Amino acid sequence: MTPRWLLAALIFGTSCQEGPPPPPFDGQAALAYVTRQVAFGPRIPGTEAHRRMGDWLDSLLTVRADTLVVQAFDHVTLAGDTLPLRNFLARFRPEAEDRILLVAHWDTRPRADAAGSANKDAPVPGANDGGSGVAVLLGVADAIASAGGPPRGVDLLLVDGEDYGVFADSAEGGERTTFSARFACPVSGFTIDEIEPRLFSFNNPYGACPACDGLGTTLHFDPELTVPDEGKSLADGAIRPWANSTSPYYRQTLGAGAGGVSFLFLWFGAFGLLGNLLLSRGIDRWGATRCVNFTLTLMALSLAAWPLAGSVSGMALVLVPWALGCFSSNSAQQARLSSSAPAYASALLALNTSAIYVGQAVGAGGGGALLAAGGYAWLPWAALAWMAAAIGLSLWVARRMRPGHG
């Protein structure tokens, strides 16, 4: 069955073009049409249910279409039975030359003779096959009528006797002829899908325009708005969305190429090693607690100066306190833990390592949340607050570790 998005696009021609949106397709009303058809019973040609169903279609389409053509005729089967049949052609804007034809059958099959059927002698209820196609076309008729008419000619053709079939016990030669089992045109290859619940969901893009996903508009970047003055360099604000930003992120990004980043890593590692060497020479003289607090303060100093780092050289200077304190703070903390309780030194060091990992996870998660919210400018200040909390905790622990503290 053709998706309702495609029906709207074909009939009303809005898709990605300018113009009013197509009228809504009422999926619940279409489902009610299916229920009403099934309530008639199997609509097998020649039965009372078939006659009442035909009269119902006649009454509905008469008040919706501009013109209703009823083609009544008799069909004689290979077994000699005469079947009274009616085709209903509902025409909207019959005078228009540019037209669209939508077709469905409204009769049902006398026997459920498909492969795998549990009872091949029972008639087909015709809810999905037959009933669904009629329901969609009636829903299209409702939408056209509510919109005051389509912008082009539309013909809705409900054919009769299409699903009656040819059965082995009634056909000469005992062979069944299948005309279309895949809902496909053998010439163009165009296929029509069976109706599915997702076709009645307003937020499902299935069948929508592939260019705009059914939105009616597309988004794209305008080069002239992005770079209004091609004579400016990137550093001078050639990219307009970056030019008025107060965040140092863009300046730092533009100022650091691959070589600059490699240099910063080497620079950071060298000063990190220097910090550990200085710590190893002076920790006995200064004390582990003072070394912990001093190294944390160095890291806080880098965070406070972070917004000033707008170039590789500026970033290198800002990283010096951080590098001196980053690795040495961990070494000083391990020395403090080992000296506080030598008997539990191994367990305390393992606990300290776990705490480091927890801190890294919390910091990375919090920083990622800030970046996702566009808060890069607040990132160093959030880290500085976190570092201040660490310094405060270290001072509190040092006070609790003093001899004689109650």
Protein backbone atom coordinates (compact mmCIF):
# COMPACT_ATOMS: atom_id res chain seq x y z
CA MET A 1 0.00 0.00 0.00
CA THR A 2 1.29 3.44 -0.88
CA PRO A 3 2.39 5.34 2.27
CA ARG A 4 0.12 8.25 3.19
CA TRP A 5 3.12 10.65 3.03
CA LEU A 6 3.56 9.71 -0.64
CA LEU A 7 -0.15 10.09 -1.30
CA ALA A 8 -0.11 13.61 0.14
CA ALA A 9 2.99 14.53 -1.84
CA LEU A 10 1.51 13.19 -5.10
CA ILE A 11 -1.93 14.73 -4.71
CA PHE A 12 -1.17 18.08 -3.09
CA GLY A 13 2.38 18.50 -4.40
CA THR A 14 3.84 20.19 -1.30
CA SER A 15 6.89 18.06 -0.42
CA CYS A 16 9.93 20.42 -0.56
CA GLN A 17 8.13 23.12 -2.51
CA GLU A 18 6.72 26.33 -1.10
CA GLY A 19 3.02 26.28 -0.30
CA PRO A 20 0.51 25.27 2.36
CA PRO A 21 0.95 21.84 3.94
CA PRO A 22 -1.35 19.02 2.80
CA PRO A 23 -4.44 18.35 4.90
CA PRO A 24 -3.90 15.76 7.65
CA PHE A 25 -4.69 12.11 7.02
CA ASP A 26 -6.91 10.75 9.81
CA GLY A 27 -5.47 7.33 10.62
CA GLN A 28 -8.12 6.56 13.22
CA ALA A 29 -10.89 7.31 10.75
CA ALA A 30 -9.23 5.03 8.18
CA LEU A 31 -9.02 2.26 10.77
CA ALA A 32 -12.73 2.77 11.50
CA TYR A 33 -13.42 2.31 7.78
CA VAL A 34 -11.63 -1.06 7.92
CA THR A 35 -13.73 -2.08 10.94
CA ARG A 36 -16.93 -1.07 9.17
CA GLN A 37 -16.08 -3.15 6.11
CA VAL A 38 -15.27 -6.24 8.14
CA ALA A 39 -18.60 -5.83 9.95
CA PHE A 40 -20.41 -6.45 6.65
CA GLY A 41 -18.83 -9.90 6.56
CA PRO A 42 -16.90 -11.39 3.62
CA ARG A 43 -17.68 -9.21 0.57
CA ILE A 44 -17.80 -12.06 -1.92
CA PRO A 45 -19.40 -11.02 -5.24
CA GLY A 46 -23.00 -12.19 -5.43
CA THR A 47 -23.60 -12.21 -1.65
CA GLU A 48 -25.80 -9.91 0.46
CA ALA A 49 -22.73 -8.56 2.30
CA HIS A 50 -21.22 -7.63 -1.05
CA ARG A 51 -24.39 -5.78 -2.12
CA ARG A 52 -24.64 -3.83 1.16
CA MET A 53 -20.95 -2.94 1.01
CA GLY A 54 -21.40 -1.59 -2.53
CA ASP A 55 -24.37 0.53 -1.46
CA TRP A 56 -22.31 1.90 1.45
CA LEU A 57 -19.46 2.92 -0.86
CA ASP A 58 -21.97 4.55 -3.24
CA SER A 59 -23.41 6.66 -0.41
CA LEU A 60 -19.99 7.74 0.92
CA LEU A 61 -18.39 8.66 -2.39
CA THR A 62 -21.47 10.47 -3.71
CA VAL A 63 -21.13 13.20 -1.06
CA ARG A 64 -17.32 13.42 -1.24
CA ALA A 65 -16.42 13.32 -4.92
CA ASP A 66 -17.20 15.95 -7.54
CA THR A 67 -18.40 13.15 -9.82
CA LEU A 68 -19.09 9.49 -9.05
CA VAL A 69 -19.17 7.01 -11.92
CA VAL A 70 -20.65 3.59 -11.08
CA GLN A 71 -19.76 0.87 -13.58
CA ALA A 72 -22.23 -1.99 -13.04
CA PHE A 73 -21.74 -5.19 -15.03
CA ASP A 74 -22.08 -8.96 -14.83
CA HIS A 75 -19.16 -11.35 -14.97
CA VAL A 76 -19.52 -15.01 -15.87
CA THR A 77 -16.93 -17.26 -14.21
CA LEU A 78 -15.32 -20.30 -15.79
CA ALA A 79 -17.71 -22.42 -13.74
CA GLY A 80 -20.69 -20.62 -15.33
CA ASP A 81 -21.68 -18.51 -12.32
CA THR A 82 -22.89 -14.96 -12.99
CA LEU A 83 -21.51 -12.36 -10.59
CA PRO A 84 -23.02 -8.84 -10.34
CA LEU A 85 -20.07 -6.44 -10.02
CA ARG A 86 -19.69 -2.67 -9.57
CA ASN A 87 -16.66 -0.45 -10.01
CA PHE A 88 -16.74 2.97 -8.30
CA LEU A 89 -14.80 5.83 -9.90
CA ALA A 90 -14.72 8.90 -7.63
CA ARG A 91 -13.46 11.91 -9.60
CA PHE A 92 -12.14 15.16 -8.11
CA ARG A 93 -11.74 18.09 -10.52
CA PRO A 94 -12.80 15.96 -13.52
CA GLU A 95 -12.03 18.85 -15.88
CA ALA A 96 -8.30 18.88 -15.00
CA GLU A 97 -5.91 17.29 -17.50
CA ASP A 98 -3.11 16.69 -14.98
CA ARG A 99 -4.46 13.70 -13.01
CA ILE A 100 -3.50 11.04 -10.51
CA LEU A 101 -5.17 7.62 -10.38
CA LEU A 102 -5.28 5.59 -7.16
CA VAL A 103 -6.76 2.08 -7.28
CA ALA A 104 -7.86 -0.53 -4.75
CA HIS A 105 -10.26 -3.49 -4.88
CA TRP A 106 -13.18 -3.73 -2.48
CA ASP A 107 -14.30 -7.34 -2.87
CA THR A 108 -12.93 -10.26 -0.85
CA ARG A 109 -11.73 -13.70 -1.80
CA PRO A 110 -14.18 -16.60 -1.49
CA ARG A 111 -11.53 -18.92 -0.13
CA ALA A 112 -8.37 -18.46 1.93
CA ASP A 113 -6.41 -20.66 -0.45
CA ALA A 114 -2.98 -19.07 0.10
CA ALA A 115 -0.07 -21.32 1.04
CA GLY A 116 0.01 -21.91 4.78
CA SER A 117 -3.68 -21.10 5.32
CA ALA A 118 -5.19 -22.99 8.27
CA ASN A 119 -8.57 -23.40 6.53
CA LYS A 120 -8.42 -23.07 2.78
CA ASP A 121 -12.18 -23.47 2.38
CA ALA A 122 -13.05 -20.49 4.64
CA PRO A 123 -13.72 -17.07 3.07
CA VAL A 124 -11.19 -14.26 3.58
CA PRO A 125 -12.39 -11.56 6.08
CA GLY A 126 -10.64 -8.93 3.97
CA ALA A 127 -9.35 -6.63 6.73
CA ASN A 128 -5.79 -6.16 5.48
CA ASP A 129 -6.25 -7.16 1.85
CA GLY A 130 -9.15 -5.22 0.34
CA GLY A 131 -10.40 -3.46 3.45
CA SER A 132 -7.15 -1.60 4.06
CA GLY A 133 -6.86 -0.32 0.51
CA VAL A 134 -10.45 0.93 0.50
CA ALA A 135 -9.91 2.58 3.92
CA VAL A 136 -6.86 4.48 2.67
CA LEU A 137 -8.65 5.76 -0.43
CA LEU A 138 -11.68 6.78 1.63
CA GLY A 139 -9.30 8.62 3.96
CA VAL A 140 -7.79 10.37 0.93
CA ALA A 141 -11.30 11.33 -0.19
CA ASP A 142 -11.98 12.79 3.27
CA ALA A 143 -8.72 14.78 3.19
CA ILE A 144 -9.46 16.14 -0.28
CA ALA A 145 -12.99 17.11 0.70
CA SER A 146 -11.81 18.85 3.89
CA ALA A 147 -9.22 20.82 1.88
CA GLY A 148 -11.86 22.08 -0.55
CA GLY A 149 -10.46 20.10 -3.44
CA PRO A 150 -7.03 19.06 -4.78
CA PRO A 151 -4.65 21.24 -6.83
CA ARG A 152 -4.79 18.66 -9.63
CA GLY A 153 -7.23 16.05 -10.85
CA VAL A 154 -7.59 12.92 -8.72
CA ASP A 155 -9.38 9.68 -9.56
CA LEU A 156 -10.07 7.09 -6.87
CA LEU A 157 -11.03 3.79 -8.46
CA LEU A 158 -12.49 0.98 -6.33
CA VAL A 159 -12.64 -2.13 -8.50
CA ASP A 160 -14.82 -5.17 -7.96
CA GLY A 161 -14.14 -8.85 -8.59
CA GLU A 162 -10.35 -8.37 -8.57
CA ASP A 163 -9.81 -10.78 -5.70
CA TYR A 164 -12.39 -13.39 -6.70
CA GLY A 165 -9.73 -15.64 -8.17
CA VAL A 166 -9.73 -18.73 -10.32
CA PHE A 167 -9.94 -22.01 -8.39
CA ALA A 168 -8.78 -25.45 -9.41
CA ASP A 169 -12.21 -27.06 -9.05
CA SER A 170 -13.89 -24.45 -11.26
CA ALA A 171 -11.29 -23.68 -13.91
CA GLU A 172 -10.81 -25.73 -17.01
CA GLY A 173 -7.55 -27.62 -16.86
CA GLY A 174 -7.37 -27.38 -13.06
CA GLU A 175 -4.67 -24.66 -12.99
CA ARG A 176 -4.68 -21.47 -10.95
CA THR A 177 -3.57 -18.26 -12.65
CA THR A 178 -1.87 -15.60 -10.51
CA PHE A 179 -1.72 -12.14 -12.06
CA SER A 180 0.09 -10.22 -9.30
CA ALA A 181 1.42 -11.61 -6.04
CA ARG A 182 4.08 -8.98 -5.35
CA PHE A 183 2.17 -5.73 -5.97
CA ALA A 184 4.73 -4.78 -8.61
CA CYS A 185 4.54 -3.32 -12.09
CA PRO A 186 6.41 -5.66 -14.51
CA VAL A 187 7.34 -2.71 -16.75
CA SER A 188 8.63 -0.01 -14.40
CA GLY A 189 9.36 -2.15 -11.34
CA PHE A 190 7.31 0.18 -9.08
CA THR A 191 5.99 -1.68 -6.03
CA ILE A 192 3.14 -0.92 -3.65
CA ASP A 193 3.56 -2.03 -0.04
CA GLU A 194 0.94 -3.70 2.09
CA ILE A 195 -0.67 -1.38 4.62
CA GLU A 196 1.07 -1.36 8.03
CA PRO A 197 0.39 0.36 11.38
CA ARG A 198 3.41 2.62 10.92
CA LEU A 199 1.75 4.23 7.90
CA PHE A 200 -0.79 5.77 10.28
CA SER A 201 1.82 7.28 12.62
CA PHE A 202 2.24 11.04 12.17
CA ASN A 203 5.89 10.98 13.36
CA ASN A 204 7.14 8.14 11.17
CA PRO A 205 9.27 9.26 8.19
CA TYR A 206 8.52 6.08 6.21
CA GLY A 207 7.59 7.09 2.70
CA ALA A 208 8.46 10.74 3.28
CA CYS A 209 10.41 12.89 0.85
CA PRO A 210 14.06 11.70 1.00
CA ALA A 211 15.38 15.24 0.58
CA CYS A 212 13.63 16.85 3.53
CA ASP A 213 12.39 13.80 5.51
CA GLY A 214 8.86 15.10 5.22
CA LEU A 215 9.59 18.42 6.92
CA GLY A 216 9.03 20.53 3.81
CA THR A 217 12.30 22.43 4.28
CA THR A 218 16.01 21.62 4.29
CA LEU A 219 18.83 23.13 6.35
CA HIS A 220 22.20 24.03 4.89
CA PHE A 221 25.18 26.30 5.59
CA ASP A 222 25.41 29.59 3.72
CA PRO A 223 29.11 30.25 2.90
CA GLU A 224 28.51 34.01 2.58
CA LEU A 225 26.99 34.20 6.04
CA THR A 226 29.66 31.97 7.58
CA VAL A 227 32.60 33.89 6.04
CA PRO A 228 31.27 37.36 5.10
CA ASP A 229 34.76 38.87 4.63
CA GLU A 230 37.15 36.60 2.75
CA GLY A 231 39.96 39.12 3.25
CA LYS A 232 40.22 38.35 6.97
CA SER A 233 42.38 35.60 8.40
CA LEU A 234 41.04 33.00 10.81
CA ALA A 235 42.79 34.74 13.67
CA ASP A 236 41.15 38.05 12.71
CA GLY A 237 37.66 36.57 12.84
CA ALA A 238 37.00 35.40 9.30
CA ILE A 239 34.51 32.82 10.62
CA ARG A 240 31.67 35.02 11.84
CA PRO A 241 30.11 32.60 14.40
CA TRP A 242 33.51 32.38 16.12
CA ALA A 243 34.38 36.07 15.94
CA ASN A 244 32.10 37.26 18.75
CA SER A 245 32.62 34.28 21.07
CA THR A 246 33.98 35.01 24.56
CA SER A 247 35.22 31.43 24.93
CA PRO A 248 38.96 30.78 24.36
CA TYR A 249 38.13 27.46 22.72
CA TYR A 250 38.21 28.72 19.13
CA ARG A 251 41.40 30.73 19.62
CA GLN A 252 43.09 27.72 21.19
CA THR A 253 41.85 25.44 18.41
CA LEU A 254 43.08 27.75 15.64
CA GLY A 255 46.42 28.31 17.34
CA ALA A 256 47.35 24.65 17.78
CA GLY A 257 48.30 22.54 14.81
CA ALA A 258 49.64 19.00 14.89
CA GLY A 259 53.18 20.19 15.59
CA GLY A 260 52.02 22.54 18.34
CA VAL A 261 50.03 19.82 20.10
CA SER A 262 52.99 17.42 19.93
CA PHE A 263 55.22 20.10 21.44
CA LEU A 264 52.74 20.70 24.28
CA PHE A 265 52.68 17.00 25.15
CA LEU A 266 56.49 16.90 25.23
CA TRP A 267 56.57 20.12 27.26
CA PHE A 268 54.05 18.82 29.76
CA GLY A 269 55.87 15.51 30.20
CA ALA A 270 59.22 17.22 30.74
CA PHE A 271 57.91 19.52 33.48
CA GLY A 272 55.98 16.63 35.01
CA LEU A 273 59.26 14.71 35.35
CA LEU A 274 60.94 17.81 36.77
CA GLY A 275 58.18 18.18 39.34
CA ASN A 276 58.66 14.61 40.55
CA LEU A 277 62.44 15.08 40.79
CA LEU A 278 62.06 18.26 42.85
CA LEU A 279 59.55 16.51 45.09
CA SER A 280 61.86 13.55 45.73
CA ARG A 281 64.66 15.91 46.81
CA GLY A 282 62.59 18.07 49.16
CA ILE A 283 59.69 15.98 50.52
CA ASP A 284 61.64 14.90 53.62
CA ARG A 285 62.50 18.51 54.41
CA TRP A 286 59.08 20.04 53.60
CA GLY A 287 56.80 17.20 54.68
CA ALA A 288 54.33 15.15 52.60
CA THR A 289 51.27 17.16 53.68
CA ARG A 290 52.75 20.50 52.62
CA CYS A 291 53.87 18.97 49.31
CA VAL A 292 50.34 17.70 48.60
CA ASN A 293 48.76 21.09 49.25
CA PHE A 294 51.48 22.94 47.30
CA THR A 295 51.18 20.74 44.21
CA LEU A 296 47.38 21.04 44.24
CA THR A 297 47.77 24.82 44.44
CA LEU A 298 50.04 24.76 41.38
CA MET A 299 47.37 22.92 39.42
CA ALA A 300 44.73 25.42 40.55
CA LEU A 301 46.97 28.25 39.34
CA SER A 302 47.02 26.76 35.83
CA LEU A 303 43.24 26.45 35.80
CA ALA A 304 42.83 30.08 36.86
CA ALA A 305 45.11 31.20 33.99
CA TRP A 306 43.58 28.84 31.41
CA PRO A 307 41.44 31.48 29.60
CA LEU A 308 44.63 33.46 28.86
CA ALA A 309 46.09 30.64 26.74
CA GLY A 310 45.20 31.81 23.24
CA SER A 311 48.28 30.45 21.47
CA VAL A 312 50.73 27.56 21.69
CA SER A 313 53.29 29.67 23.56
CA GLY A 314 50.62 30.96 25.95
CA MET A 315 49.35 27.44 26.57
CA ALA A 316 52.89 26.24 27.23
CA LEU A 317 53.31 28.85 30.00
CA VAL A 318 49.92 28.04 31.53
CA LEU A 319 50.75 24.32 31.59
CA VAL A 320 53.98 24.72 33.58
CA PRO A 321 52.36 24.86 37.06
CA TRP A 322 49.96 22.07 36.13
CA ALA A 323 52.75 19.81 34.89
CA LEU A 324 54.92 20.47 37.97
CA GLY A 325 52.05 19.60 40.30
CA CYS A 326 50.10 16.93 38.38
CA PHE A 327 52.32 13.86 38.83
CA SER A 328 54.09 15.05 41.96
CA SER A 329 50.78 15.54 43.80
CA ASN A 330 50.03 11.84 43.43
CA SER A 331 53.52 10.91 44.62
CA ALA A 332 53.20 13.23 47.62
CA GLN A 333 49.78 11.81 48.50
CA GLN A 334 51.16 8.25 48.39
CA ALA A 335 54.03 9.30 50.66
CA ARG A 336 51.56 10.85 53.12
CA LEU A 337 49.39 7.72 53.19
CA SER A 338 52.39 5.41 53.68
CA SER A 339 53.75 7.44 56.58
CA SER A 340 50.36 7.81 58.29
CA ALA A 341 49.81 4.05 58.69
CA PRO A 342 52.80 1.96 57.58
CA ALA A 343 51.03 -1.31 58.41
CA TYR A 344 48.28 -0.51 55.91
CA ALA A 345 50.49 1.14 53.30
CA SER A 346 49.67 -1.33 50.49
CA ALA A 347 45.93 -1.09 51.01
CA LEU A 348 46.03 2.70 51.28
CA LEU A 349 48.03 3.02 48.06
CA ALA A 350 45.55 0.78 46.25
CA LEU A 351 42.68 2.85 47.65
CA ASN A 352 44.41 6.04 46.51
CA THR A 353 44.75 4.68 42.99
CA SER A 354 41.03 3.82 42.92
CA ALA A 355 40.21 7.32 44.15
CA ILE A 356 42.28 8.78 41.30
CA TYR A 357 40.28 6.78 38.76
CA VAL A 358 37.00 7.86 40.34
CA GLY A 359 38.12 11.49 40.20
CA GLN A 360 39.09 11.14 36.56
CA ALA A 361 35.71 9.61 35.71
CA VAL A 362 33.79 12.34 37.53
CA GLY A 363 35.92 15.06 35.96
CA ALA A 364 35.59 13.64 32.46
CA GLY A 365 31.83 13.15 32.86
CA GLY A 366 31.29 16.65 34.22
CA GLY A 367 33.49 18.22 31.56
CA GLY A 368 31.70 16.29 28.82
CA ALA A 369 28.34 17.50 30.11
CA LEU A 370 29.58 21.10 30.05
CA LEU A 371 30.89 20.74 26.50
CA ALA A 372 27.65 19.14 25.33
CA ALA A 373 25.75 22.11 26.79
CA GLY A 374 28.04 24.61 25.04
CA GLY A 375 29.69 25.66 28.29
CA TYR A 376 33.34 25.46 27.27
CA ALA A 377 34.03 28.87 28.79
CA TRP A 378 32.95 27.55 32.19
CA LEU A 379 35.12 24.44 31.98
CA PRO A 380 38.28 25.84 33.69
CA TRP A 381 36.20 27.49 36.42
CA ALA A 382 34.34 24.26 37.14
CA ALA A 383 37.69 22.45 37.33
CA LEU A 384 39.07 25.18 39.58
CA ALA A 385 36.13 24.77 41.97
CA TRP A 386 36.75 21.02 42.00
CA MET A 387 40.44 21.65 42.73
CA ALA A 388 39.56 24.06 45.56
CA ALA A 389 37.41 21.34 47.08
CA ALA A 390 40.37 18.92 46.85
CA ILE A 391 42.66 21.42 48.59
CA GLY A 392 40.07 21.96 51.32
CA LEU A 393 39.72 18.22 51.82
CA SER A 394 43.51 17.84 52.02
CA LEU A 395 43.74 20.56 54.69
CA TRP A 396 40.95 18.94 56.68
CA VAL A 397 42.69 15.54 56.54
CA ALA A 398 46.00 17.11 57.61
CA ARG A 399 44.29 18.64 60.62
CA ARG A 400 42.72 15.34 61.58
CA MET A 401 46.09 13.60 61.34
CA ARG A 402 47.80 15.91 63.84
CA PRO A 403 48.87 14.13 67.04
CA GLY A 404 46.49 14.65 69.94
CA HIS A 405 43.58 15.80 67.73
CA GLY A 406 40.30 14.76 69.34
